[in-house]
Amino acid sequence: MSVAKKEYKRITVKSLVEMKSRGEKISMLTAYDYTMAKIVDGAGVDVILVGDSASNVMAGHETTLPITLDQMIYHASSVVRAIDRALVVVDLPFGTYQSDPKEALRSAIRIMKESGGHAVKLEGGKEIKDSIKRILNAGIPVMGHLGLTPQSIYKFGTYTVRAKEEQEAERLREDAKMLEKAGCFAIVLEKIPAALAKDVAESVSIPVIGIGAGDGVDGQVLVLHDMIGMTHEFNPRFLRRYMNLYEEMTSAIGQYVEDVKSQDFPNEKEQY
């Protein structure tokens, strides 16, 4: 059942809570550069995530671990310059918040001051509670992230569905409640059973945004490059491709090469 949308000139943390209370689903996509962010924002996406997935998508790394704080600030500042409406959330990269709440605060402050982002996202539950509280106490909005947490890939050893067993599922429920109580404005749930995600979304007052977490949550997030089909090797069940840009770009570039080689480009109308 569709719900009437409220028009927002600018999405804020408060806007997302209002959307949940009205039953309006939240749309979220990643972006890492000015040009793409301009398109995503213009299309009406509510939240743009400057994800540490830039490590994979933009830099070709196998995991999200190598990306640095300086690199995240570079990507985030590019995105912020492009947007008029969306809320911009920036991932704190691996190693910048896990062990030391003071370092976590310094990292979050750098992102806010140097990129102009609107909020930060951290992966984990009670093990990073002190870091979350330190950041929130400074007035910086925090989005949580539970379930499959890619920064912990070497701990898990696999990207398979998390929290299928009751013990892990109960721990996730407890962590979600803790994040809400601590003051997080929203939570991302990644690759967990749909029934569990729905249960969590109904048990907290803050928005729960899913990626591979079913339709019972308050919103959805995908990696932009996956959604528009620029990447073609990655085919998880939860991904819906809205374009096949890989094939279209390959065809267009191939045609350009052919036109240059055959001296068809440039023609008379394409020169001065």
C-alpha atoms as a PDB file:
ATOM      1  CA  MET A   1       0.000   0.000   0.000  1.00  0.00           C
ATOM      2  CA  SER A   2       1.452   3.336  -1.044  1.00  0.00           C
ATOM      3  CA  VAL A   3       1.559   6.261   1.374  1.00  0.00           C
ATOM      4  CA  ALA A   4       1.214   9.915   0.432  1.00  0.00           C
ATOM      5  CA  LYS A   5       4.642  11.555   0.235  1.00  0.00           C
ATOM      6  CA  LYS A   6       5.434  14.774   2.038  1.00  0.00           C
ATOM      7  CA  GLU A   7       7.547  17.114  -0.042  1.00  0.00           C
ATOM      8  CA  TYR A   8      10.831  18.075   1.635  1.00  0.00           C
ATOM      9  CA  LYS A   9      13.070  20.829   0.300  1.00  0.00           C
ATOM     10  CA  ARG A  10      15.878  19.340   2.369  1.00  0.00           C
ATOM     11  CA  ILE A  11      16.021  15.935   4.036  1.00  0.00           C
ATOM     12  CA  THR A  12      17.183  15.960   7.640  1.00  0.00           C
ATOM     13  CA  VAL A  13      17.508  13.384  10.394  1.00  0.00           C
ATOM     14  CA  LYS A  14      14.101  14.557  11.634  1.00  0.00           C
ATOM     15  CA  SER A  15      12.598  14.039   8.163  1.00  0.00           C
ATOM     16  CA  LEU A  16      13.510  10.349   8.236  1.00  0.00           C
ATOM     17  CA  VAL A  17      11.842   9.807  11.611  1.00  0.00           C
ATOM     18  CA  GLU A  18       8.724  11.561  10.288  1.00  0.00           C
ATOM     19  CA  MET A  19       8.748   9.319   7.221  1.00  0.00           C
ATOM     20  CA  LYS A  20       8.839   6.212   9.395  1.00  0.00           C
ATOM     21  CA  SER A  21       5.972   7.487  11.553  1.00  0.00           C
ATOM     22  CA  ARG A  22       3.858   8.094   8.403  1.00  0.00           C
ATOM     23  CA  GLY A  23       4.765   4.749   6.865  1.00  0.00           C
ATOM     24  CA  GLU A  24       6.603   6.355   3.940  1.00  0.00           C
ATOM     25  CA  LYS A  25       9.541   4.244   2.801  1.00  0.00           C
ATOM     26  CA  ILE A  26      13.014   5.806   2.727  1.00  0.00           C
ATOM     27  CA  SER A  27      15.157   5.575  -0.420  1.00  0.00           C
ATOM     28  CA  MET A  28      18.937   5.476  -0.044  1.00  0.00           C
ATOM     29  CA  LEU A  29      21.733   4.980  -2.570  1.00  0.00           C
ATOM     30  CA  THR A  30      25.497   5.284  -2.527  1.00  0.00           C
ATOM     31  CA  ALA A  31      27.453   7.935  -4.417  1.00  0.00           C
ATOM     32  CA  TYR A  32      31.145   8.752  -4.371  1.00  0.00           C
ATOM     33  CA  ASP A  33      31.609  11.657  -6.810  1.00  0.00           C
ATOM     34  CA  TYR A  34      30.049  14.974  -7.842  1.00  0.00           C
ATOM     35  CA  THR A  35      28.595  13.930 -11.193  1.00  0.00           C
ATOM     36  CA  MET A  36      26.814  10.811  -9.966  1.00  0.00           C
ATOM     37  CA  ALA A  37      25.640  12.486  -6.757  1.00  0.00           C
ATOM     38  CA  LYS A  38      24.080  15.311  -8.796  1.00  0.00           C
ATOM     39  CA  ILE A  39      22.017  12.768 -10.739  1.00  0.00           C
ATOM     40  CA  VAL A  40      21.043  10.748  -7.658  1.00  0.00           C
ATOM     41  CA  ASP A  41      19.980  13.844  -5.727  1.00  0.00           C
ATOM     42  CA  GLY A  42      18.060  15.232  -8.700  1.00  0.00           C
ATOM     43  CA  ALA A  43      16.154  11.952  -9.020  1.00  0.00           C
ATOM     44  CA  GLY A  44      14.757  12.394  -5.507  1.00  0.00           C
ATOM     45  CA  VAL A  45      16.711   9.915  -3.404  1.00  0.00           C
ATOM     46  CA  ASP A  46      16.272  10.718   0.299  1.00  0.00           C
ATOM     47  CA  VAL A  47      19.678   9.670   1.631  1.00  0.00           C
ATOM     48  CA  ILE A  48      23.029   9.453  -0.135  1.00  0.00           C
ATOM     49  CA  LEU A  49      25.530   7.175   1.544  1.00  0.00           C
ATOM     50  CA  VAL A  50      29.173   7.921   0.857  1.00  0.00           C
ATOM     51  CA  GLY A  51      30.041   4.343   1.627  1.00  0.00           C
ATOM     52  CA  ASP A  52      33.385   2.737   2.294  1.00  0.00           C
ATOM     53  CA  SER A  53      32.257   0.511  -0.590  1.00  0.00           C
ATOM     54  CA  ALA A  54      34.156   3.143  -2.592  1.00  0.00           C
ATOM     55  CA  SER A  55      37.118   0.937  -1.711  1.00  0.00           C
ATOM     56  CA  ASN A  56      35.611  -1.779  -3.939  1.00  0.00           C
ATOM     57  CA  VAL A  57      33.723   0.228  -6.548  1.00  0.00           C
ATOM     58  CA  MET A  58      36.076   3.145  -7.125  1.00  0.00           C
ATOM     59  CA  ALA A  59      39.478   1.726  -6.209  1.00  0.00           C
ATOM     60  CA  GLY A  60      39.134  -1.969  -7.071  1.00  0.00           C
ATOM     61  CA  HIS A  61      40.029  -3.393  -3.665  1.00  0.00           C
ATOM     62  CA  GLU A  62      38.693  -6.792  -2.649  1.00  0.00           C
ATOM     63  CA  THR A  63      37.374  -5.464   0.690  1.00  0.00           C
ATOM     64  CA  THR A  64      36.370  -2.148   2.268  1.00  0.00           C
ATOM     65  CA  LEU A  65      39.306  -2.244   4.698  1.00  0.00           C
ATOM     66  CA  PRO A  66      41.996  -0.358   2.698  1.00  0.00           C
ATOM     67  CA  ILE A  67      40.141   2.944   2.241  1.00  0.00           C
ATOM     68  CA  THR A  68      41.468   5.740   4.447  1.00  0.00           C
ATOM     69  CA  LEU A  69      39.834   8.614   6.297  1.00  0.00           C
ATOM     70  CA  ASP A  70      41.435  11.127   3.908  1.00  0.00           C
ATOM     71  CA  GLN A  71      40.002   9.242   0.934  1.00  0.00           C
ATOM     72  CA  MET A  72      36.518   9.128   2.510  1.00  0.00           C
ATOM     73  CA  ILE A  73      36.687  12.883   3.092  1.00  0.00           C
ATOM     74  CA  TYR A  74      37.672  13.408  -0.557  1.00  0.00           C
ATOM     75  CA  HIS A  75      34.700  11.372  -1.812  1.00  0.00           C
ATOM     76  CA  ALA A  76      32.278  12.912   0.689  1.00  0.00           C
ATOM     77  CA  SER A  77      33.249  16.500  -0.124  1.00  0.00           C
ATOM     78  CA  SER A  78      32.692  15.775  -3.833  1.00  0.00           C
ATOM     79  CA  VAL A  79      29.207  14.449  -3.074  1.00  0.00           C
ATOM     80  CA  VAL A  80      28.248  17.294  -0.726  1.00  0.00           C
ATOM     81  CA  ARG A  81      29.060  19.880  -3.403  1.00  0.00           C
ATOM     82  CA  ALA A  82      26.511  18.214  -5.702  1.00  0.00           C
ATOM     83  CA  ILE A  83      23.435  17.908  -3.522  1.00  0.00           C
ATOM     84  CA  ASP A  84      20.489  20.219  -2.888  1.00  0.00           C
ATOM     85  CA  ARG A  85      18.033  17.925  -1.089  1.00  0.00           C
ATOM     86  CA  ALA A  86      19.407  14.585   0.115  1.00  0.00           C
ATOM     87  CA  LEU A  87      20.855  13.826   3.537  1.00  0.00           C
ATOM     88  CA  VAL A  88      24.518  12.847   3.136  1.00  0.00           C
ATOM     89  CA  VAL A  89      25.773  10.097   5.454  1.00  0.00           C
ATOM     90  CA  VAL A  90      29.477   9.216   5.432  1.00  0.00           C
ATOM     91  CA  ASP A  91      31.005   5.904   6.533  1.00  0.00           C
ATOM     92  CA  LEU A  92      33.748   6.029   9.125  1.00  0.00           C
ATOM     93  CA  PRO A  93      36.352   3.709   7.587  1.00  0.00           C
ATOM     94  CA  PHE A  94      37.935   0.711   9.257  1.00  0.00           C
ATOM     95  CA  GLY A  95      40.431   1.542  11.982  1.00  0.00           C
ATOM     96  CA  THR A  96      39.170   5.066  12.691  1.00  0.00           C
ATOM     97  CA  TYR A  97      36.724   4.370  15.524  1.00  0.00           C
ATOM     98  CA  GLN A  98      36.776   0.773  16.792  1.00  0.00           C
ATOM     99  CA  SER A  99      39.392   0.856  19.543  1.00  0.00           C
ATOM    100  CA  ASP A 100      39.399   4.386  20.922  1.00  0.00           C
ATOM    101  CA  PRO A 101      36.334   6.644  21.463  1.00  0.00           C
ATOM    102  CA  LYS A 102      38.554   9.731  21.358  1.00  0.00           C
ATOM    103  CA  GLU A 103      39.935   8.702  17.968  1.00  0.00           C
ATOM    104  CA  ALA A 104      36.371   7.988  16.827  1.00  0.00           C
ATOM    105  CA  LEU A 105      35.357  11.534  17.736  1.00  0.00           C
ATOM    106  CA  ARG A 106      38.394  13.011  15.991  1.00  0.00           C
ATOM    107  CA  SER A 107      37.567  11.019  12.851  1.00  0.00           C
ATOM    108  CA  ALA A 108      33.914  12.079  12.890  1.00  0.00           C
ATOM    109  CA  ILE A 109      34.831  15.738  13.434  1.00  0.00           C
ATOM    110  CA  ARG A 110      37.221  15.646  10.478  1.00  0.00           C
ATOM    111  CA  ILE A 111      34.492  14.234   8.241  1.00  0.00           C
ATOM    112  CA  MET A 112      31.961  16.860   9.333  1.00  0.00           C
ATOM    113  CA  LYS A 113      34.383  19.808   9.115  1.00  0.00           C
ATOM    114  CA  GLU A 114      36.330  18.858   5.992  1.00  0.00           C
ATOM    115  CA  SER A 115      33.605  17.281   3.846  1.00  0.00           C
ATOM    116  CA  GLY A 116      30.454  19.054   4.993  1.00  0.00           C
ATOM    117  CA  GLY A 117      28.653  15.735   5.440  1.00  0.00           C
ATOM    118  CA  HIS A 118      25.519  15.625   7.559  1.00  0.00           C
ATOM    119  CA  ALA A 119      26.040  12.412   9.561  1.00  0.00           C
ATOM    120  CA  VAL A 120      28.371   9.447   9.983  1.00  0.00           C
ATOM    121  CA  LYS A 121      27.751   5.700   9.906  1.00  0.00           C
ATOM    122  CA  LEU A 122      29.523   3.131  12.083  1.00  0.00           C
ATOM    123  CA  GLU A 123      29.430  -0.650  11.905  1.00  0.00           C
ATOM    124  CA  GLY A 124      28.847  -2.684  15.058  1.00  0.00           C
ATOM    125  CA  GLY A 125      26.896  -3.006  18.276  1.00  0.00           C
ATOM    126  CA  LYS A 126      27.776  -2.890  21.945  1.00  0.00           C
ATOM    127  CA  GLU A 127      31.506  -3.238  21.217  1.00  0.00           C
ATOM    128  CA  ILE A 128      31.530   0.314  19.781  1.00  0.00           C
ATOM    129  CA  LYS A 129      28.964   1.822  22.176  1.00  0.00           C
ATOM    130  CA  ASP A 130      31.488   4.181  23.785  1.00  0.00           C
ATOM    131  CA  SER A 131      32.622   5.506  20.396  1.00  0.00           C
ATOM    132  CA  ILE A 132      29.020   6.141  19.345  1.00  0.00           C
ATOM    133  CA  LYS A 133      28.248   7.984  22.579  1.00  0.00           C
ATOM    134  CA  ARG A 134      31.365  10.145  22.283  1.00  0.00           C
ATOM    135  CA  ILE A 135      30.405  11.181  18.744  1.00  0.00           C
ATOM    136  CA  LEU A 136      26.775  11.819  19.647  1.00  0.00           C
ATOM    137  CA  ASN A 137      27.790  13.918  22.646  1.00  0.00           C
ATOM    138  CA  ALA A 138      29.579  16.236  20.212  1.00  0.00           C
ATOM    139  CA  GLY A 139      26.315  16.792  18.352  1.00  0.00           C
ATOM    140  CA  ILE A 140      27.173  14.644  15.339  1.00  0.00           C
ATOM    141  CA  PRO A 141      24.295  12.438  14.077  1.00  0.00           C
ATOM    142  CA  VAL A 142      25.127   8.724  13.912  1.00  0.00           C
ATOM    143  CA  MET A 143      23.606   5.951  11.808  1.00  0.00           C
ATOM    144  CA  GLY A 144      24.219   2.413  13.039  1.00  0.00           C
ATOM    145  CA  HIS A 145      24.919  -0.692  10.949  1.00  0.00           C
ATOM    146  CA  LEU A 146      24.210  -4.284  12.056  1.00  0.00           C
ATOM    147  CA  GLY A 147      24.024  -7.742  10.486  1.00  0.00           C
ATOM    148  CA  LEU A 148      26.651  -8.315   7.820  1.00  0.00           C
ATOM    149  CA  THR A 149      29.288  -5.700   8.604  1.00  0.00           C
ATOM    150  CA  PRO A 150      31.832  -5.768   5.755  1.00  0.00           C
ATOM    151  CA  GLN A 151      34.621  -4.199   7.839  1.00  0.00           C
ATOM    152  CA  SER A 152      34.544  -7.423   9.899  1.00  0.00           C
ATOM    153  CA  ILE A 153      34.889  -9.720   6.888  1.00  0.00           C
ATOM    154  CA  TYR A 154      38.008 -11.437   8.223  1.00  0.00           C
ATOM    155  CA  LYS A 155      36.212 -12.129  11.497  1.00  0.00           C
ATOM    156  CA  PHE A 156      33.195 -13.660   9.738  1.00  0.00           C
ATOM    157  CA  GLY A 157      35.207 -15.177   6.879  1.00  0.00           C
ATOM    158  CA  THR A 158      32.290 -14.936   4.462  1.00  0.00           C
ATOM    159  CA  TYR A 159      29.640 -12.580   3.089  1.00  0.00           C
ATOM    160  CA  THR A 160      26.771 -15.011   3.740  1.00  0.00           C
ATOM    161  CA  VAL A 161      23.519 -14.145   5.518  1.00  0.00           C
ATOM    162  CA  ARG A 162      23.992 -13.247   9.190  1.00  0.00           C
ATOM    163  CA  ALA A 163      21.820 -13.898  12.286  1.00  0.00           C
ATOM    164  CA  LYS A 164      20.156 -17.074  11.036  1.00  0.00           C
ATOM    165  CA  GLU A 165      20.769 -18.717  14.404  1.00  0.00           C
ATOM    166  CA  GLU A 166      18.702 -17.530  17.364  1.00  0.00           C
ATOM    167  CA  GLN A 167      21.682 -16.596  19.536  1.00  0.00           C
ATOM    168  CA  GLU A 168      23.071 -14.202  16.932  1.00  0.00           C
ATOM    169  CA  ALA A 169      19.571 -12.953  16.112  1.00  0.00           C
ATOM    170  CA  GLU A 170      18.917 -12.107  19.764  1.00  0.00           C
ATOM    171  CA  ARG A 171      22.243 -10.293  20.003  1.00  0.00           C
ATOM    172  CA  LEU A 172      21.288  -8.244  16.940  1.00  0.00           C
ATOM    173  CA  ARG A 173      17.937  -7.321  18.528  1.00  0.00           C
ATOM    174  CA  GLU A 174      19.742  -6.199  21.683  1.00  0.00           C
ATOM    175  CA  ASP A 175      22.259  -4.178  19.676  1.00  0.00           C
ATOM    176  CA  ALA A 176      19.468  -2.454  17.749  1.00  0.00           C
ATOM    177  CA  LYS A 177      17.786  -1.443  21.000  1.00  0.00           C
ATOM    178  CA  MET A 178      21.130  -0.226  22.329  1.00  0.00           C
ATOM    179  CA  LEU A 179      21.749   1.898  19.225  1.00  0.00           C
ATOM    180  CA  GLU A 180      18.306   3.452  19.555  1.00  0.00           C
ATOM    181  CA  LYS A 181      18.795   4.148  23.267  1.00  0.00           C
ATOM    182  CA  ALA A 182      22.261   5.612  22.654  1.00  0.00           C
ATOM    183  CA  GLY A 183      20.737   8.147  20.268  1.00  0.00           C
ATOM    184  CA  CYS A 184      21.385   6.858  16.730  1.00  0.00           C
ATOM    185  CA  PHE A 185      18.909   8.345  14.244  1.00  0.00           C
ATOM    186  CA  ALA A 186      18.702   5.230  12.034  1.00  0.00           C
ATOM    187  CA  ILE A 187      20.107   1.725  11.557  1.00  0.00           C
ATOM    188  CA  VAL A 188      21.190  -0.154   8.437  1.00  0.00           C
ATOM    189  CA  LEU A 189      20.523  -3.900   8.549  1.00  0.00           C
ATOM    190  CA  GLU A 190      22.535  -5.848   5.990  1.00  0.00           C
ATOM    191  CA  LYS A 191      21.888  -9.355   4.719  1.00  0.00           C
ATOM    192  CA  ILE A 192      19.798 -10.836   7.521  1.00  0.00           C
ATOM    193  CA  PRO A 193      16.550 -12.871   7.395  1.00  0.00           C
ATOM    194  CA  ALA A 194      13.559 -10.755   6.382  1.00  0.00           C
ATOM    195  CA  ALA A 195      11.459 -11.853   9.366  1.00  0.00           C
ATOM    196  CA  LEU A 196      14.173 -10.774  11.799  1.00  0.00           C
ATOM    197  CA  ALA A 197      14.625  -7.412  10.054  1.00  0.00           C
ATOM    198  CA  LYS A 198      10.859  -6.774  10.207  1.00  0.00           C
ATOM    199  CA  ASP A 199      10.858  -7.660  13.906  1.00  0.00           C
ATOM    200  CA  VAL A 200      13.693  -5.225  14.590  1.00  0.00           C
ATOM    201  CA  ALA A 201      12.071  -2.423  12.559  1.00  0.00           C
ATOM    202  CA  GLU A 202       8.847  -2.803  14.514  1.00  0.00           C
ATOM    203  CA  SER A 203      10.656  -2.862  17.866  1.00  0.00           C
ATOM    204  CA  VAL A 204      12.460   0.477  17.515  1.00  0.00           C
ATOM    205  CA  SER A 205      11.167   3.991  16.879  1.00  0.00           C
ATOM    206  CA  ILE A 206      14.050   5.004  14.592  1.00  0.00           C
ATOM    207  CA  PRO A 207      14.143   4.147  10.867  1.00  0.00           C
ATOM    208  CA  VAL A 208      15.626   0.807   9.847  1.00  0.00           C
ATOM    209  CA  ILE A 209      17.034   0.714   6.313  1.00  0.00           C
ATOM    210  CA  GLY A 210      17.734  -2.646   4.743  1.00  0.00           C
ATOM    211  CA  ILE A 211      20.079  -4.081   2.163  1.00  0.00           C
ATOM    212  CA  GLY A 212      19.203  -7.705   1.649  1.00  0.00           C
ATOM    213  CA  ALA A 213      16.880  -7.507   4.663  1.00  0.00           C
ATOM    214  CA  GLY A 214      13.456  -7.920   3.062  1.00  0.00           C
ATOM    215  CA  ASP A 215      10.499  -5.588   2.640  1.00  0.00           C
ATOM    216  CA  GLY A 216       9.451  -5.232   6.279  1.00  0.00           C
ATOM    217  CA  VAL A 217      11.917  -2.444   7.081  1.00  0.00           C
ATOM    218  CA  ASP A 218      11.499   1.324   6.755  1.00  0.00           C
ATOM    219  CA  GLY A 219      13.631   1.842   3.667  1.00  0.00           C
ATOM    220  CA  GLN A 220      16.109   0.321   1.239  1.00  0.00           C
ATOM    221  CA  VAL A 221      19.709   1.002   0.229  1.00  0.00           C
ATOM    222  CA  LEU A 222      21.733  -0.311  -2.707  1.00  0.00           C
ATOM    223  CA  VAL A 223      25.153   0.420  -4.129  1.00  0.00           C
ATOM    224  CA  LEU A 224      24.472   2.717  -7.090  1.00  0.00           C
ATOM    225  CA  HIS A 225      26.960   1.039  -9.430  1.00  0.00           C
ATOM    226  CA  ASP A 226      25.280  -2.335  -8.814  1.00  0.00           C
ATOM    227  CA  MET A 227      21.758  -0.942  -9.246  1.00  0.00           C
ATOM    228  CA  ILE A 228      22.470   0.698 -12.609  1.00  0.00           C
ATOM    229  CA  GLY A 229      24.445  -2.290 -13.866  1.00  0.00           C
ATOM    230  CA  MET A 230      27.888  -0.722 -14.156  1.00  0.00           C
ATOM    231  CA  THR A 231      29.209  -3.703 -12.223  1.00  0.00           C
ATOM    232  CA  HIS A 232      28.200  -7.056 -13.666  1.00  0.00           C
ATOM    233  CA  GLU A 233      30.128  -9.688 -11.673  1.00  0.00           C
ATOM    234  CA  PHE A 234      28.150  -9.117  -8.435  1.00  0.00           C
ATOM    235  CA  ASN A 235      24.732 -10.844  -8.455  1.00  0.00           C
ATOM    236  CA  PRO A 236      23.296 -11.325  -4.951  1.00  0.00           C
ATOM    237  CA  ARG A 237      19.635 -12.253  -4.565  1.00  0.00           C
ATOM    238  CA  PHE A 238      18.740  -8.872  -3.061  1.00  0.00           C
ATOM    239  CA  LEU A 239      20.022  -6.821  -6.013  1.00  0.00           C
ATOM    240  CA  ARG A 240      17.589  -5.476  -8.595  1.00  0.00           C
ATOM    241  CA  ARG A 241      19.313  -3.998 -11.662  1.00  0.00           C
ATOM    242  CA  TYR A 242      17.393  -1.073 -13.141  1.00  0.00           C
ATOM    243  CA  MET A 243      19.775  -0.686 -16.090  1.00  0.00           C
ATOM    244  CA  ASN A 244      22.496  -2.665 -17.806  1.00  0.00           C
ATOM    245  CA  LEU A 245      24.955   0.201 -18.075  1.00  0.00           C
ATOM    246  CA  TYR A 246      27.935  -2.120 -18.436  1.00  0.00           C
ATOM    247  CA  GLU A 247      26.673  -3.395 -21.799  1.00  0.00           C
ATOM    248  CA  GLU A 248      25.478   0.039 -22.942  1.00  0.00           C
ATOM    249  CA  MET A 249      28.769   1.731 -22.067  1.00  0.00           C
ATOM    250  CA  THR A 250      30.832  -1.061 -23.612  1.00  0.00           C
ATOM    251  CA  SER A 251      28.809  -0.751 -26.826  1.00  0.00           C
ATOM    252  CA  ALA A 252      29.071   3.056 -26.885  1.00  0.00           C
ATOM    253  CA  ILE A 253      32.811   3.077 -26.240  1.00  0.00           C
ATOM    254  CA  GLY A 254      33.345   0.372 -28.838  1.00  0.00           C
ATOM    255  CA  GLN A 255      31.414   2.467 -31.361  1.00  0.00           C
ATOM    256  CA  TYR A 256      33.574   5.511 -30.531  1.00  0.00           C
ATOM    257  CA  VAL A 257      36.741   3.494 -31.126  1.00  0.00           C
ATOM    258  CA  GLU A 258      35.379   2.271 -34.462  1.00  0.00           C
ATOM    259  CA  ASP A 259      34.381   5.818 -35.510  1.00  0.00           C
ATOM    260  CA  VAL A 260      37.840   7.190 -34.682  1.00  0.00           C
ATOM    261  CA  LYS A 261      39.632   4.371 -36.511  1.00  0.00           C
ATOM    262  CA  SER A 262      37.416   4.757 -39.589  1.00  0.00           C
ATOM    263  CA  GLN A 263      37.770   8.557 -39.520  1.00  0.00           C
ATOM    264  CA  ASP A 264      34.009   8.947 -39.169  1.00  0.00           C
ATOM    265  CA  PHE A 265      34.576  11.039 -36.036  1.00  0.00           C
ATOM    266  CA  PRO A 266      34.801  13.981 -36.079  1.00  0.00           C
ATOM    267  CA  ASN A 267      32.691  14.902 -39.074  1.00  0.00           C
ATOM    268  CA  GLU A 268      32.360  18.414 -40.563  1.00  0.00           C
ATOM    269  CA  LYS A 269      29.642  19.458 -38.105  1.00  0.00           C
ATOM    270  CA  GLU A 270      31.877  18.433 -35.164  1.00  0.00           C
ATOM    271  CA  GLN A 271      34.783  20.751 -35.854  1.00  0.00           C
ATOM    272  CA  TYR A 272      35.449  24.488 -35.978  1.00  0.00           C
END
